Amino acid sequence: MKIALVIISILLIVIVLLQSNKAEGGAQIFSGATTDLFSKRKERGSELVISRVTFILGMSFFVICLVLSFM
């Protein structure tokens, strides 16, 4: 179980680093440029897959940590 947790942790780090930069809108708050800040962007293609894989890995990490804490 602990080996699975280490593998999921490494995969989670890698997949988060692969995600596109969505934090660029945060910098626009401080600079005052809000033209593109609140525009709706839908994830498509590989971004959607990476986002879903991140969610699944995060939930599995959470569940495994809970299970290990009660063992």
N, C-alpha and C. Protein backbone atom coordinates (compact mmCIF):
# COMPACT_ATOMS: atom_id res chain seq x y z
N MET A 1 0.81 -1.19 0.00
CA MET A 1 0.00 0.00 0.00
C MET A 1 0.87 1.27 0.00
N LYS A 2 1.97 1.20 0.73
CA LYS A 2 2.86 2.37 0.78
C LYS A 2 3.58 2.58 -0.54
N ILE A 3 3.86 1.49 -1.24
CA ILE A 3 4.50 1.62 -2.54
C ILE A 3 3.54 2.29 -3.53
N ALA A 4 2.27 1.92 -3.45
CA ALA A 4 1.26 2.55 -4.32
C ALA A 4 1.16 4.04 -4.02
N LEU A 5 1.27 4.40 -2.75
CA LEU A 5 1.21 5.81 -2.37
C LEU A 5 2.39 6.60 -2.93
N VAL A 6 3.56 6.01 -2.92
CA VAL A 6 4.75 6.67 -3.48
C VAL A 6 4.61 6.83 -4.99
N ILE A 7 4.12 5.79 -5.66
CA ILE A 7 3.95 5.85 -7.11
C ILE A 7 2.90 6.90 -7.48
N ILE A 8 1.79 6.94 -6.76
CA ILE A 8 0.76 7.94 -7.02
C ILE A 8 1.28 9.34 -6.75
N SER A 9 2.09 9.49 -5.71
CA SER A 9 2.67 10.80 -5.41
C SER A 9 3.56 11.30 -6.54
N ILE A 10 4.39 10.43 -7.05
CA ILE A 10 5.28 10.82 -8.15
C ILE A 10 4.48 11.15 -9.40
N LEU A 11 3.48 10.31 -9.72
CA LEU A 11 2.63 10.58 -10.88
C LEU A 11 1.86 11.88 -10.73
N LEU A 12 1.41 12.17 -9.53
CA LEU A 12 0.67 13.40 -9.28
C LEU A 12 1.56 14.63 -9.47
N ILE A 13 2.78 14.55 -9.02
CA ILE A 13 3.72 15.66 -9.22
C ILE A 13 3.99 15.89 -10.70
N VAL A 14 4.20 14.81 -11.44
CA VAL A 14 4.50 14.92 -12.87
C VAL A 14 3.30 15.48 -13.63
N ILE A 15 2.10 15.00 -13.33
CA ILE A 15 0.92 15.44 -14.07
C ILE A 15 0.57 16.89 -13.75
N VAL A 16 0.83 17.34 -12.54
CA VAL A 16 0.59 18.74 -12.21
C VAL A 16 1.57 19.64 -12.94
N LEU A 17 2.80 19.19 -13.08
CA LEU A 17 3.79 19.97 -13.82
C LEU A 17 3.49 20.03 -15.31
N LEU A 18 2.76 19.05 -15.83
CA LEU A 18 2.39 19.04 -17.24
C LEU A 18 1.22 19.95 -17.57
N GLN A 19 0.48 20.37 -16.56
CA GLN A 19 -0.70 21.20 -16.81
C GLN A 19 -0.30 22.56 -17.36
N SER A 20 -1.22 23.14 -18.14
CA SER A 20 -0.95 24.46 -18.70
C SER A 20 -0.98 25.51 -17.61
N ASN A 21 -0.37 26.64 -17.89
CA ASN A 21 -0.27 27.70 -16.91
C ASN A 21 -1.60 28.45 -16.81
N LYS A 22 -2.38 28.14 -15.78
CA LYS A 22 -3.66 28.81 -15.59
C LYS A 22 -3.54 29.97 -14.60
N ALA A 23 -2.37 30.15 -14.03
CA ALA A 23 -2.18 31.18 -13.02
C ALA A 23 -1.81 32.53 -13.63
N GLU A 24 -1.74 32.61 -14.93
CA GLU A 24 -1.36 33.88 -15.55
C GLU A 24 -2.43 34.95 -15.32
N GLY A 25 -3.67 34.55 -15.08
CA GLY A 25 -4.73 35.51 -14.79
C GLY A 25 -4.56 36.16 -13.43
N GLY A 26 -3.91 35.44 -12.51
CA GLY A 26 -3.68 35.99 -11.18
C GLY A 26 -2.74 37.17 -11.21
N ALA A 27 -1.78 37.15 -12.10
CA ALA A 27 -0.84 38.26 -12.22
C ALA A 27 -1.52 39.49 -12.81
N GLN A 28 -2.55 39.27 -13.61
CA GLN A 28 -3.26 40.39 -14.21
C GLN A 28 -4.06 41.19 -13.18
N ILE A 29 -4.40 40.59 -12.08
CA ILE A 29 -5.12 41.31 -11.03
C ILE A 29 -4.24 42.42 -10.48
N PHE A 30 -2.97 42.13 -10.26
CA PHE A 30 -2.06 43.12 -9.68
C PHE A 30 -1.63 44.17 -10.70
N SER A 31 -1.57 43.80 -11.97
CA SER A 31 -1.15 44.76 -12.98
C SER A 31 -2.30 45.63 -13.47
N GLY A 32 -3.53 45.22 -13.20
CA GLY A 32 -4.68 46.02 -13.60
C GLY A 32 -5.28 45.62 -14.93
N ALA A 33 -4.69 44.69 -15.63
CA ALA A 33 -5.23 44.26 -16.93
C ALA A 33 -6.24 43.15 -16.71
N THR A 34 -7.51 43.50 -16.81
CA THR A 34 -8.56 42.51 -16.54
C THR A 34 -9.35 42.16 -17.79
N THR A 35 -8.79 42.40 -18.95
CA THR A 35 -9.53 42.13 -20.19
C THR A 35 -9.77 40.64 -20.39
N ASP A 36 -8.79 39.82 -20.07
CA ASP A 36 -8.91 38.39 -20.30
C ASP A 36 -9.09 37.62 -19.00
N LEU A 37 -9.21 38.31 -17.89
CA LEU A 37 -9.23 37.65 -16.59
C LEU A 37 -10.47 36.82 -16.38
N PHE A 38 -11.63 37.34 -16.74
CA PHE A 38 -12.86 36.63 -16.45
C PHE A 38 -13.47 35.97 -17.69
N SER A 39 -12.69 35.78 -18.73
CA SER A 39 -13.22 35.11 -19.92
C SER A 39 -13.35 33.62 -19.63
N LYS A 40 -14.35 33.03 -20.24
CA LYS A 40 -14.60 31.60 -20.01
C LYS A 40 -13.72 30.78 -20.94
N ARG A 41 -12.95 29.90 -20.35
CA ARG A 41 -12.09 29.02 -21.12
C ARG A 41 -12.50 27.59 -20.80
N LYS A 42 -12.80 26.83 -21.82
CA LYS A 42 -13.11 25.42 -21.63
C LYS A 42 -11.89 24.58 -21.93
N GLU A 43 -11.71 23.58 -21.11
CA GLU A 43 -10.61 22.66 -21.36
C GLU A 43 -11.04 21.71 -22.47
N ARG A 44 -10.13 21.47 -23.38
CA ARG A 44 -10.42 20.57 -24.49
C ARG A 44 -9.21 19.69 -24.76
N GLY A 45 -9.48 18.53 -25.28
CA GLY A 45 -8.41 17.64 -25.71
C GLY A 45 -7.52 17.18 -24.58
N SER A 46 -6.23 17.41 -24.76
CA SER A 46 -5.26 16.91 -23.78
C SER A 46 -5.37 17.63 -22.44
N GLU A 47 -5.78 18.90 -22.44
CA GLU A 47 -5.96 19.61 -21.17
C GLU A 47 -7.05 18.97 -20.33
N LEU A 48 -8.12 18.53 -20.97
CA LEU A 48 -9.22 17.89 -20.27
C LEU A 48 -8.77 16.55 -19.69
N VAL A 49 -8.01 15.79 -20.46
CA VAL A 49 -7.52 14.50 -19.99
C VAL A 49 -6.57 14.69 -18.81
N ILE A 50 -5.66 15.65 -18.91
CA ILE A 50 -4.71 15.90 -17.83
C ILE A 50 -5.44 16.37 -16.57
N SER A 51 -6.46 17.18 -16.74
CA SER A 51 -7.23 17.66 -15.60
C SER A 51 -7.96 16.51 -14.91
N ARG A 52 -8.54 15.63 -15.69
CA ARG A 52 -9.26 14.49 -15.10
C ARG A 52 -8.31 13.50 -14.44
N VAL A 53 -7.16 13.26 -15.05
CA VAL A 53 -6.17 12.36 -14.45
C VAL A 53 -5.66 12.95 -13.14
N THR A 54 -5.47 14.27 -13.10
CA THR A 54 -5.04 14.93 -11.86
C THR A 54 -6.08 14.74 -10.76
N PHE A 55 -7.35 14.89 -11.12
CA PHE A 55 -8.41 14.70 -10.13
C PHE A 55 -8.44 13.26 -9.61
N ILE A 56 -8.32 12.30 -10.52
CA ILE A 56 -8.36 10.89 -10.12
C ILE A 56 -7.17 10.54 -9.24
N LEU A 57 -5.98 11.00 -9.62
CA LEU A 57 -4.79 10.73 -8.81
C LEU A 57 -4.88 11.41 -7.45
N GLY A 58 -5.42 12.62 -7.41
CA GLY A 58 -5.56 13.33 -6.14
C GLY A 58 -6.54 12.63 -5.20
N MET A 59 -7.65 12.17 -5.76
CA MET A 59 -8.63 11.45 -4.93
C MET A 59 -8.07 10.12 -4.45
N SER A 60 -7.37 9.41 -5.31
CA SER A 60 -6.79 8.13 -4.88
C SER A 60 -5.70 8.35 -3.83
N PHE A 61 -4.93 9.42 -3.96
CA PHE A 61 -3.93 9.76 -2.94
C PHE A 61 -4.61 10.02 -1.60
N PHE A 62 -5.70 10.78 -1.64
CA PHE A 62 -6.44 11.12 -0.43
C PHE A 62 -7.01 9.86 0.24
N VAL A 63 -7.61 8.98 -0.55
CA VAL A 63 -8.23 7.77 -0.02
C VAL A 63 -7.17 6.84 0.56
N ILE A 64 -6.06 6.68 -0.14
CA ILE A 64 -5.00 5.80 0.37
C ILE A 64 -4.41 6.35 1.66
N CYS A 65 -4.25 7.67 1.75
CA CYS A 65 -3.76 8.28 3.00
C CYS A 65 -4.73 8.05 4.15
N LEU A 66 -6.03 8.17 3.87
CA LEU A 66 -7.02 7.89 4.91
C LEU A 66 -6.98 6.44 5.36
N VAL A 67 -6.88 5.53 4.41
CA VAL A 67 -6.83 4.11 4.75
C VAL A 67 -5.59 3.79 5.55
N LEU A 68 -4.45 4.34 5.16
CA LEU A 68 -3.22 4.08 5.89
C LEU A 68 -3.21 4.69 7.29
N SER A 69 -3.94 5.78 7.46
CA SER A 69 -3.96 6.42 8.79
C SER A 69 -4.77 5.59 9.79
N PHE A 70 -5.71 4.79 9.30
CA PHE A 70 -6.51 3.97 10.21
C PHE A 70 -5.98 2.55 10.37
N MET A 71 -4.89 2.23 9.71
CA MET A 71 -4.31 0.89 9.85
C MET A 71 -3.33 0.82 10.98
